[in-house]
PDB file of N, CA and C in Angstrom:
ATOM      1  N   MET A   1       9.651   4.193   7.309  1.00  0.00           N
ATOM      2  CA  MET A   1       9.725   5.264   6.330  1.00  0.00           C
ATOM      3  C   MET A   1       8.351   5.895   6.236  1.00  0.00           C
ATOM      4  N   ARG A   2       8.243   7.162   6.612  1.00  0.00           N
ATOM      5  CA  ARG A   2       6.952   7.834   6.587  1.00  0.00           C
ATOM      6  C   ARG A   2       6.647   8.358   5.189  1.00  0.00           C
ATOM      7  N   ASN A   3       5.369   8.638   4.974  1.00  0.00           N
ATOM      8  CA  ASN A   3       4.966   9.279   3.726  1.00  0.00           C
ATOM      9  C   ASN A   3       3.810  10.228   3.995  1.00  0.00           C
ATOM     10  N   ASP A   4       3.368  10.906   2.981  1.00  0.00           N
ATOM     11  CA  ASP A   4       2.290  11.886   3.102  1.00  0.00           C
ATOM     12  C   ASP A   4       1.052  11.442   2.331  1.00  0.00           C
ATOM     13  N   ALA A   5       0.767  10.137   2.319  1.00  0.00           N
ATOM     14  CA  ALA A   5      -0.389   9.619   1.593  1.00  0.00           C
ATOM     15  C   ALA A   5      -1.677  10.237   2.111  1.00  0.00           C
ATOM     16  N   LEU A   6      -2.609  10.413   1.203  1.00  0.00           N
ATOM     17  CA  LEU A   6      -3.890  11.051   1.504  1.00  0.00           C
ATOM     18  C   LEU A   6      -4.935  10.004   1.875  1.00  0.00           C
ATOM     19  N   ILE A   7      -5.630  10.238   2.978  1.00  0.00           N
ATOM     20  CA  ILE A   7      -6.663   9.331   3.450  1.00  0.00           C
ATOM     21  C   ILE A   7      -7.915   9.496   2.599  1.00  0.00           C
ATOM     22  N   GLY A   8      -8.595   8.388   2.330  1.00  0.00           N
ATOM     23  CA  GLY A   8      -9.860   8.437   1.609  1.00  0.00           C
ATOM     24  C   GLY A   8      -9.747   8.213   0.119  1.00  0.00           C
ATOM     25  N   VAL A   9      -8.533   7.954  -0.362  1.00  0.00           N
ATOM     26  CA  VAL A   9      -8.328   7.679  -1.782  1.00  0.00           C
ATOM     27  C   VAL A   9      -7.484   6.411  -1.912  1.00  0.00           C
ATOM     28  N   PRO A  10      -7.518   5.772  -3.077  1.00  0.00           N
ATOM     29  CA  PRO A  10      -6.775   4.518  -3.246  1.00  0.00           C
ATOM     30  C   PRO A  10      -5.287   4.667  -2.924  1.00  0.00           C
ATOM     31  N   GLY A  11      -4.736   3.628  -2.339  1.00  0.00           N
ATOM     32  CA  GLY A  11      -3.308   3.563  -2.066  1.00  0.00           C
ATOM     33  C   GLY A  11      -2.886   4.112  -0.723  1.00  0.00           C
ATOM     34  N   VAL A  12      -3.833   4.508   0.116  1.00  0.00           N
ATOM     35  CA  VAL A  12      -3.466   5.143   1.380  1.00  0.00           C
ATOM     36  C   VAL A  12      -2.675   4.214   2.289  1.00  0.00           C
ATOM     37  N   ALA A  13      -2.971   2.936   2.311  1.00  0.00           N
ATOM     38  CA  ALA A  13      -2.313   2.015   3.244  1.00  0.00           C
ATOM     39  C   ALA A  13      -1.114   1.287   2.647  1.00  0.00           C
ATOM     40  N   ARG A  14      -0.853   1.485   1.384  1.00  0.00           N
ATOM     41  CA  ARG A  14       0.227   0.734   0.726  1.00  0.00           C
ATOM     42  C   ARG A  14       1.593   1.037   1.352  1.00  0.00           C
ATOM     43  N   GLY A  15       1.871   2.284   1.674  1.00  0.00           N
ATOM     44  CA  GLY A  15       3.140   2.640   2.313  1.00  0.00           C
ATOM     45  C   GLY A  15       3.299   1.960   3.660  1.00  0.00           C
ATOM     46  N   LEU A  16       2.202   1.898   4.430  1.00  0.00           N
ATOM     47  CA  LEU A  16       2.222   1.184   5.706  1.00  0.00           C
ATOM     48  C   LEU A  16       2.514  -0.290   5.478  1.00  0.00           C
ATOM     49  N   LEU A  17       1.877  -0.878   4.486  1.00  0.00           N
ATOM     50  CA  LEU A  17       2.113  -2.285   4.167  1.00  0.00           C
ATOM     51  C   LEU A  17       3.573  -2.525   3.782  1.00  0.00           C
ATOM     52  N   PHE A  18       4.149  -1.653   2.968  1.00  0.00           N
ATOM     53  CA  PHE A  18       5.556  -1.792   2.595  1.00  0.00           C
ATOM     54  C   PHE A  18       6.452  -1.746   3.827  1.00  0.00           C
ATOM     55  N   ASN A  19       6.147  -0.842   4.758  1.00  0.00           N
ATOM     56  CA  ASN A  19       6.926  -0.757   5.990  1.00  0.00           C
ATOM     57  C   ASN A  19       6.784  -2.032   6.819  1.00  0.00           C
ATOM     58  N   MET A  20       5.588  -2.578   6.876  1.00  0.00           N
ATOM     59  CA  MET A  20       5.378  -3.817   7.635  1.00  0.00           C
ATOM     60  C   MET A  20       6.172  -4.971   7.029  1.00  0.00           C
ATOM     61  N   ILE A  21       6.174  -5.063   5.708  1.00  0.00           N
ATOM     62  CA  ILE A  21       6.935  -6.117   5.031  1.00  0.00           C
ATOM     63  C   ILE A  21       8.429  -5.930   5.293  1.00  0.00           C
ATOM     64  N   ALA A  22       8.876  -4.699   5.283  1.00  0.00           N
ATOM     65  CA  ALA A  22      10.294  -4.411   5.510  1.00  0.00           C
ATOM     66  C   ALA A  22      10.729  -4.808   6.920  1.00  0.00           C
ATOM     67  N   GLN A  23       9.852  -4.665   7.900  1.00  0.00           N
ATOM     68  CA  GLN A  23      10.211  -4.905   9.293  1.00  0.00           C
ATOM     69  C   GLN A  23       9.910  -6.322   9.778  1.00  0.00           C
ATOM     70  N   ALA A  24       8.953  -6.980   9.174  1.00  0.00           N
ATOM     71  CA  ALA A  24       8.495  -8.279   9.669  1.00  0.00           C
ATOM     72  C   ALA A  24       9.461  -9.407   9.321  1.00  0.00           C
ATOM     73  N   THR A  25       9.621 -10.309  10.252  1.00  0.00           N
ATOM     74  CA  THR A  25      10.375 -11.529   9.963  1.00  0.00           C
ATOM     75  C   THR A  25       9.434 -12.644   9.525  1.00  0.00           C
ATOM     76  N   CYS A  26       8.175 -12.546   9.924  1.00  0.00           N
ATOM     77  CA  CYS A  26       7.159 -13.512   9.512  1.00  0.00           C
ATOM     78  C   CYS A  26       5.829 -12.771   9.502  1.00  0.00           C
ATOM     79  N   MET A  27       5.175 -12.735   8.355  1.00  0.00           N
ATOM     80  CA  MET A  27       3.944 -11.966   8.236  1.00  0.00           C
ATOM     81  C   MET A  27       2.889 -12.782   7.511  1.00  0.00           C
ATOM     82  N   LEU A  28       1.664 -12.713   7.994  1.00  0.00           N
ATOM     83  CA  LEU A  28       0.540 -13.416   7.386  1.00  0.00           C
ATOM     84  C   LEU A  28      -0.457 -12.376   6.898  1.00  0.00           C
ATOM     85  N   ILE A  29      -0.840 -12.473   5.640  1.00  0.00           N
ATOM     86  CA  ILE A  29      -1.840 -11.580   5.071  1.00  0.00           C
ATOM     87  C   ILE A  29      -3.082 -12.407   4.785  1.00  0.00           C
ATOM     88  N   LEU A  30      -4.183 -12.030   5.414  1.00  0.00           N
ATOM     89  CA  LEU A  30      -5.453 -12.722   5.207  1.00  0.00           C
ATOM     90  C   LEU A  30      -6.236 -11.997   4.123  1.00  0.00           C
ATOM     91  N   ARG A  31      -6.748 -12.752   3.173  1.00  0.00           N
ATOM     92  CA  ARG A  31      -7.521 -12.156   2.087  1.00  0.00           C
ATOM     93  C   ARG A  31      -8.951 -12.683   2.142  1.00  0.00           C
ATOM     94  N   ASN A  32      -9.868 -11.850   1.725  1.00  0.00           N
ATOM     95  CA  ASN A  32     -11.279 -12.242   1.631  1.00  0.00           C
ATOM     96  C   ASN A  32     -11.837 -12.800   2.933  1.00  0.00           C
ATOM     97  N   VAL A  33     -11.538 -12.134   4.041  1.00  0.00           N
ATOM     98  CA  VAL A  33     -12.048 -12.602   5.330  1.00  0.00           C
ATOM     99  C   VAL A  33     -13.105 -11.660   5.904  1.00  0.00           C
ATOM    100  N   ALA A  34     -13.479 -10.620   5.186  1.00  0.00           N
ATOM    101  CA  ALA A  34     -14.551  -9.696   5.575  1.00  0.00           C
ATOM    102  C   ALA A  34     -14.389  -9.169   6.996  1.00  0.00           C
ATOM    103  N   LEU A  35     -13.225  -8.607   7.300  1.00  0.00           N
ATOM    104  CA  LEU A  35     -12.981  -8.053   8.630  1.00  0.00           C
ATOM    105  C   LEU A  35     -13.405  -6.598   8.751  1.00  0.00           C
ATOM    106  N   THR A  36     -13.683  -5.965   7.620  1.00  0.00           N
ATOM    107  CA  THR A  36     -14.155  -4.575   7.648  1.00  0.00           C
ATOM    108  C   THR A  36     -15.443  -4.487   6.842  1.00  0.00           C
ATOM    109  N   TYR A  37     -16.169  -3.440   7.087  1.00  0.00           N
ATOM    110  CA  TYR A  37     -17.424  -3.231   6.364  1.00  0.00           C
ATOM    111  C   TYR A  37     -17.590  -1.739   6.101  1.00  0.00           C
ATOM    112  N   HIS A  38     -17.901  -1.378   4.890  1.00  0.00           N
ATOM    113  CA  HIS A  38     -18.189   0.002   4.536  1.00  0.00           C
ATOM    114  C   HIS A  38     -19.700   0.149   4.453  1.00  0.00           C
ATOM    115  N   PHE A  39     -20.290   0.805   5.433  1.00  0.00           N
ATOM    116  CA  PHE A  39     -21.730   0.993   5.467  1.00  0.00           C
ATOM    117  C   PHE A  39     -22.172   1.738   4.218  1.00  0.00           C
ATOM    118  N   GLY A  40     -23.080   1.152   3.472  1.00  0.00           N
ATOM    119  CA  GLY A  40     -23.552   1.759   2.236  1.00  0.00           C
ATOM    120  C   GLY A  40     -22.686   1.395   1.043  1.00  0.00           C
ATOM    121  N   ASP A  41     -21.430   1.110   1.271  1.00  0.00           N
ATOM    122  CA  ASP A  41     -20.495   0.669   0.237  1.00  0.00           C
ATOM    123  C   ASP A  41     -20.620   1.505  -1.040  1.00  0.00           C
ATOM    124  N   ASP A  42     -20.580   2.826  -0.913  1.00  0.00           N
ATOM    125  CA  ASP A  42     -20.745   3.697  -2.072  1.00  0.00           C
ATOM    126  C   ASP A  42     -19.482   3.848  -2.907  1.00  0.00           C
ATOM    127  N   ARG A  43     -18.364   3.404  -2.398  1.00  0.00           N
ATOM    128  CA  ARG A  43     -17.096   3.397  -3.125  1.00  0.00           C
ATOM    129  C   ARG A  43     -16.735   4.771  -3.713  1.00  0.00           C
ATOM    130  N   THR A  44     -16.917   5.805  -2.909  1.00  0.00           N
ATOM    131  CA  THR A  44     -16.598   7.152  -3.390  1.00  0.00           C
ATOM    132  C   THR A  44     -15.125   7.303  -3.741  1.00  0.00           C
ATOM    133  N   TRP A  45     -14.272   6.464  -3.165  1.00  0.00           N
ATOM    134  CA  TRP A  45     -12.839   6.564  -3.452  1.00  0.00           C
ATOM    135  C   TRP A  45     -12.520   6.216  -4.897  1.00  0.00           C
ATOM    136  N   ARG A  46     -13.451   5.627  -5.625  1.00  0.00           N
ATOM    137  CA  ARG A  46     -13.231   5.287  -7.034  1.00  0.00           C
ATOM    138  C   ARG A  46     -13.681   6.393  -7.985  1.00  0.00           C
ATOM    139  N   SER A  47     -14.081   7.511  -7.450  1.00  0.00           N
ATOM    140  CA  SER A  47     -14.566   8.623  -8.261  1.00  0.00           C
ATOM    141  C   SER A  47     -13.458   9.148  -9.174  1.00  0.00           C
ATOM    142  N   PRO A  48     -13.776   9.419 -10.442  1.00  0.00           N
ATOM    143  CA  PRO A  48     -12.775   9.981 -11.363  1.00  0.00           C
ATOM    144  C   PRO A  48     -12.190  11.306 -10.886  1.00  0.00           C
ATOM    145  N   GLU A  49     -12.945  12.058 -10.074  1.00  0.00           N
ATOM    146  CA  GLU A  49     -12.442  13.335  -9.564  1.00  0.00           C
ATOM    147  C   GLU A  49     -11.268  13.149  -8.610  1.00  0.00           C
ATOM    148  N   LEU A  50     -11.069  11.946  -8.104  1.00  0.00           N
ATOM    149  CA  LEU A  50      -9.995  11.689  -7.142  1.00  0.00           C
ATOM    150  C   LEU A  50      -8.738  11.088  -7.784  1.00  0.00           C
ATOM    151  N   GLU A  51      -8.732  10.981  -9.109  1.00  0.00           N
ATOM    152  CA  GLU A  51      -7.599  10.340  -9.775  1.00  0.00           C
ATOM    153  C   GLU A  51      -6.277  11.034  -9.499  1.00  0.00           C
ATOM    154  N   ASP A  52      -6.262  12.359  -9.423  1.00  0.00           N
ATOM    155  CA  ASP A  52      -5.005  13.058  -9.148  1.00  0.00           C
ATOM    156  C   ASP A  52      -4.536  12.794  -7.720  1.00  0.00           C
ATOM    157  N   TYR A  53      -5.464  12.625  -6.790  1.00  0.00           N
ATOM    158  CA  TYR A  53      -5.085  12.278  -5.418  1.00  0.00           C
ATOM    159  C   TYR A  53      -4.518  10.860  -5.360  1.00  0.00           C
ATOM    160  N   ALA A  54      -5.144   9.947  -6.102  1.00  0.00           N
ATOM    161  CA  ALA A  54      -4.644   8.573  -6.160  1.00  0.00           C
ATOM    162  C   ALA A  54      -3.248   8.548  -6.781  1.00  0.00           C
ATOM    163  N   ALA A  55      -3.026   9.368  -7.797  1.00  0.00           N
ATOM    164  CA  ALA A  55      -1.695   9.447  -8.418  1.00  0.00           C
ATOM    165  C   ALA A  55      -0.670   9.975  -7.416  1.00  0.00           C
ATOM    166  N   PHE A  56      -1.079  10.927  -6.583  1.00  0.00           N
ATOM    167  CA  PHE A  56      -0.189  11.428  -5.536  1.00  0.00           C
ATOM    168  C   PHE A  56       0.193  10.292  -4.587  1.00  0.00           C
ATOM    169  N   ASN A  57      -0.806   9.508  -4.161  1.00  0.00           N
ATOM    170  CA  ASN A  57      -0.522   8.380  -3.270  1.00  0.00           C
ATOM    171  C   ASN A  57       0.399   7.366  -3.937  1.00  0.00           C
ATOM    172  N   THR A  58       0.214   7.143  -5.221  1.00  0.00           N
ATOM    173  CA  THR A  58       1.090   6.218  -5.945  1.00  0.00           C
ATOM    174  C   THR A  58       2.531   6.708  -5.886  1.00  0.00           C
ATOM    175  N   GLY A  59       2.742   7.995  -6.081  1.00  0.00           N
ATOM    176  CA  GLY A  59       4.085   8.560  -5.984  1.00  0.00           C
ATOM    177  C   GLY A  59       4.663   8.421  -4.585  1.00  0.00           C
ATOM    178  N   GLN A  60       3.840   8.645  -3.575  1.00  0.00           N
ATOM    179  CA  GLN A  60       4.293   8.487  -2.196  1.00  0.00           C
ATOM    180  C   GLN A  60       4.688   7.036  -1.920  1.00  0.00           C
ATOM    181  N   ASN A  61       3.890   6.117  -2.416  1.00  0.00           N
ATOM    182  CA  ASN A  61       4.189   4.701  -2.209  1.00  0.00           C
ATOM    183  C   ASN A  61       5.465   4.287  -2.934  1.00  0.00           C
ATOM    184  N   ARG A  62       5.668   4.827  -4.116  1.00  0.00           N
ATOM    185  CA  ARG A  62       6.896   4.542  -4.868  1.00  0.00           C
ATOM    186  C   ARG A  62       8.115   5.052  -4.107  1.00  0.00           C
ATOM    187  N   ALA A  63       7.989   6.225  -3.491  1.00  0.00           N
ATOM    188  CA  ALA A  63       9.100   6.792  -2.710  1.00  0.00           C
ATOM    189  C   ALA A  63       9.418   5.916  -1.499  1.00  0.00           C
ATOM    190  N   VAL A  64       8.374   5.416  -0.830  1.00  0.00           N
ATOM    191  CA  VAL A  64       8.587   4.512   0.310  1.00  0.00           C
ATOM    192  C   VAL A  64       9.291   3.248  -0.154  1.00  0.00           C
ATOM    193  N   MET A  65       8.801   2.671  -1.239  1.00  0.00           N
ATOM    194  CA  MET A  65       9.391   1.436  -1.787  1.00  0.00           C
ATOM    195  C   MET A  65      10.867   1.664  -2.144  1.00  0.00           C
ATOM    196  N   ASN A  66      11.162   2.774  -2.808  1.00  0.00           N
ATOM    197  CA  ASN A  66      12.545   3.058  -3.197  1.00  0.00           C
ATOM    198  C   ASN A  66      13.448   3.248  -1.981  1.00  0.00           C
ATOM    199  N   ALA A  67      12.962   3.966  -0.982  1.00  0.00           N
ATOM    200  CA  ALA A  67      13.765   4.213   0.216  1.00  0.00           C
ATOM    201  C   ALA A  67      14.024   2.907   0.975  1.00  0.00           C
ATOM    202  N   LEU A  68      12.995   2.099   1.122  1.00  0.00           N
ATOM    203  CA  LEU A  68      13.162   0.831   1.845  1.00  0.00           C
ATOM    204  C   LEU A  68      14.023  -0.155   1.059  1.00  0.00           C
ATOM    205  N   SER A  69      14.012  -0.040  -0.255  1.00  0.00           N
ATOM    206  CA  SER A  69      14.760  -0.972  -1.103  1.00  0.00           C
ATOM    207  C   SER A  69      16.249  -0.678  -1.153  1.00  0.00           C
ATOM    208  N   ARG A  70      16.691   0.381  -0.487  1.00  0.00           N
ATOM    209  CA  ARG A  70      18.133   0.651  -0.432  1.00  0.00           C
ATOM    210  C   ARG A  70      18.868  -0.496   0.253  1.00  0.00           C
ATOM    211  N   ASP A  71      18.159  -1.146   1.190  1.00  0.00           N
ATOM    212  CA  ASP A  71      18.688  -2.367   1.792  1.00  0.00           C
ATOM    213  C   ASP A  71      18.364  -3.505   0.832  1.00  0.00           C
ATOM    214  N   GLN A  72      19.377  -4.234   0.397  1.00  0.00           N
ATOM    215  CA  GLN A  72      19.208  -5.241  -0.642  1.00  0.00           C
ATOM    216  C   GLN A  72      18.210  -6.330  -0.263  1.00  0.00           C
ATOM    217  N   GLU A  73      18.272  -6.851   0.943  1.00  0.00           N
ATOM    218  CA  GLU A  73      17.355  -7.911   1.368  1.00  0.00           C
ATOM    219  C   GLU A  73      15.922  -7.399   1.446  1.00  0.00           C
ATOM    220  N   THR A  74      15.738  -6.214   1.993  1.00  0.00           N
ATOM    221  CA  THR A  74      14.404  -5.621   2.068  1.00  0.00           C
ATOM    222  C   THR A  74      13.861  -5.377   0.668  1.00  0.00           C
ATOM    223  N   GLY A  75      14.698  -4.886  -0.218  1.00  0.00           N
ATOM    224  CA  GLY A  75      14.299  -4.668  -1.601  1.00  0.00           C
ATOM    225  C   GLY A  75      13.855  -5.949  -2.274  1.00  0.00           C
ATOM    226  N   ARG A  76      14.553  -7.034  -1.979  1.00  0.00           N
ATOM    227  CA  ARG A  76      14.174  -8.329  -2.552  1.00  0.00           C
ATOM    228  C   ARG A  76      12.798  -8.751  -2.063  1.00  0.00           C
ATOM    229  N   ARG A  77      12.552  -8.622  -0.739  1.00  0.00           N
ATOM    230  CA  ARG A  77      11.250  -9.015  -0.181  1.00  0.00           C
ATOM    231  C   ARG A  77      10.121  -8.157  -0.741  1.00  0.00           C
ATOM    232  N   LEU A  78      10.354  -6.859  -0.838  1.00  0.00           N
ATOM    233  CA  LEU A  78       9.330  -5.967  -1.381  1.00  0.00           C
ATOM    234  C   LEU A  78       9.054  -6.262  -2.850  1.00  0.00           C
ATOM    235  N   SER A  79      10.093  -6.497  -3.620  1.00  0.00           N
ATOM    236  CA  SER A  79       9.928  -6.817  -5.021  1.00  0.00           C
ATOM    237  C   SER A  79       9.142  -8.119  -5.191  1.00  0.00           C
ATOM    238  N   GLU A  80       9.452  -9.087  -4.368  1.00  0.00           N
ATOM    239  CA  GLU A  80       8.738 -10.361  -4.406  1.00  0.00           C
ATOM    240  C   GLU A  80       7.257 -10.150  -4.083  1.00  0.00           C
ATOM    241  N   PHE A  81       6.974  -9.301  -3.102  1.00  0.00           N
ATOM    242  CA  PHE A  81       5.592  -9.048  -2.720  1.00  0.00           C
ATOM    243  C   PHE A  81       4.815  -8.374  -3.834  1.00  0.00           C
ATOM    244  N   VAL A  82       5.358  -7.324  -4.421  1.00  0.00           N
ATOM    245  CA  VAL A  82       4.595  -6.559  -5.409  1.00  0.00           C
ATOM    246  C   VAL A  82       4.459  -7.294  -6.751  1.00  0.00           C
ATOM    247  N   THR A  83       5.301  -8.287  -7.008  1.00  0.00           N
ATOM    248  CA  THR A  83       5.202  -9.022  -8.273  1.00  0.00           C
ATOM    249  C   THR A  83       4.472 -10.358  -8.120  1.00  0.00           C
ATOM    250  N   ARG A  84       4.199 -10.756  -6.883  1.00  0.00           N
ATOM    251  CA  ARG A  84       3.510 -12.030  -6.650  1.00  0.00           C
ATOM    252  C   ARG A  84       2.068 -11.945  -7.120  1.00  0.00           C
ATOM    253  N   LYS A  85       1.616 -12.974  -7.775  1.00  0.00           N
ATOM    254  CA  LYS A  85       0.235 -13.045  -8.234  1.00  0.00           C
ATOM    255  C   LYS A  85      -0.570 -13.888  -7.245  1.00  0.00           C
ATOM    256  N   GLY A  86      -1.816 -13.429  -7.010  1.00  0.00           N
ATOM    257  CA  GLY A  86      -2.714 -14.215  -6.154  1.00  0.00           C
ATOM    258  C   GLY A  86      -2.617 -13.985  -4.737  1.00  0.00           C
TER     259      GLY A  86
END
């Protein structure tokens, strides 16, 4: 399920992640393994001026989640993922 998420603002990869969860039979998510590095780490994506763009991405991600959840089993897996703590 494609979306029109905006690059450079929060939530850009969430739709891709939802699609991966929907398609995968076995998936491993590694956390805190420092596989990427942002040179300077200025975190410009957290700027208040980008909040409307982040809200747009949130809507796009919600649309992906809703479309993928039409399949009951996929919806269950996605719901489990987004509500899991830790």
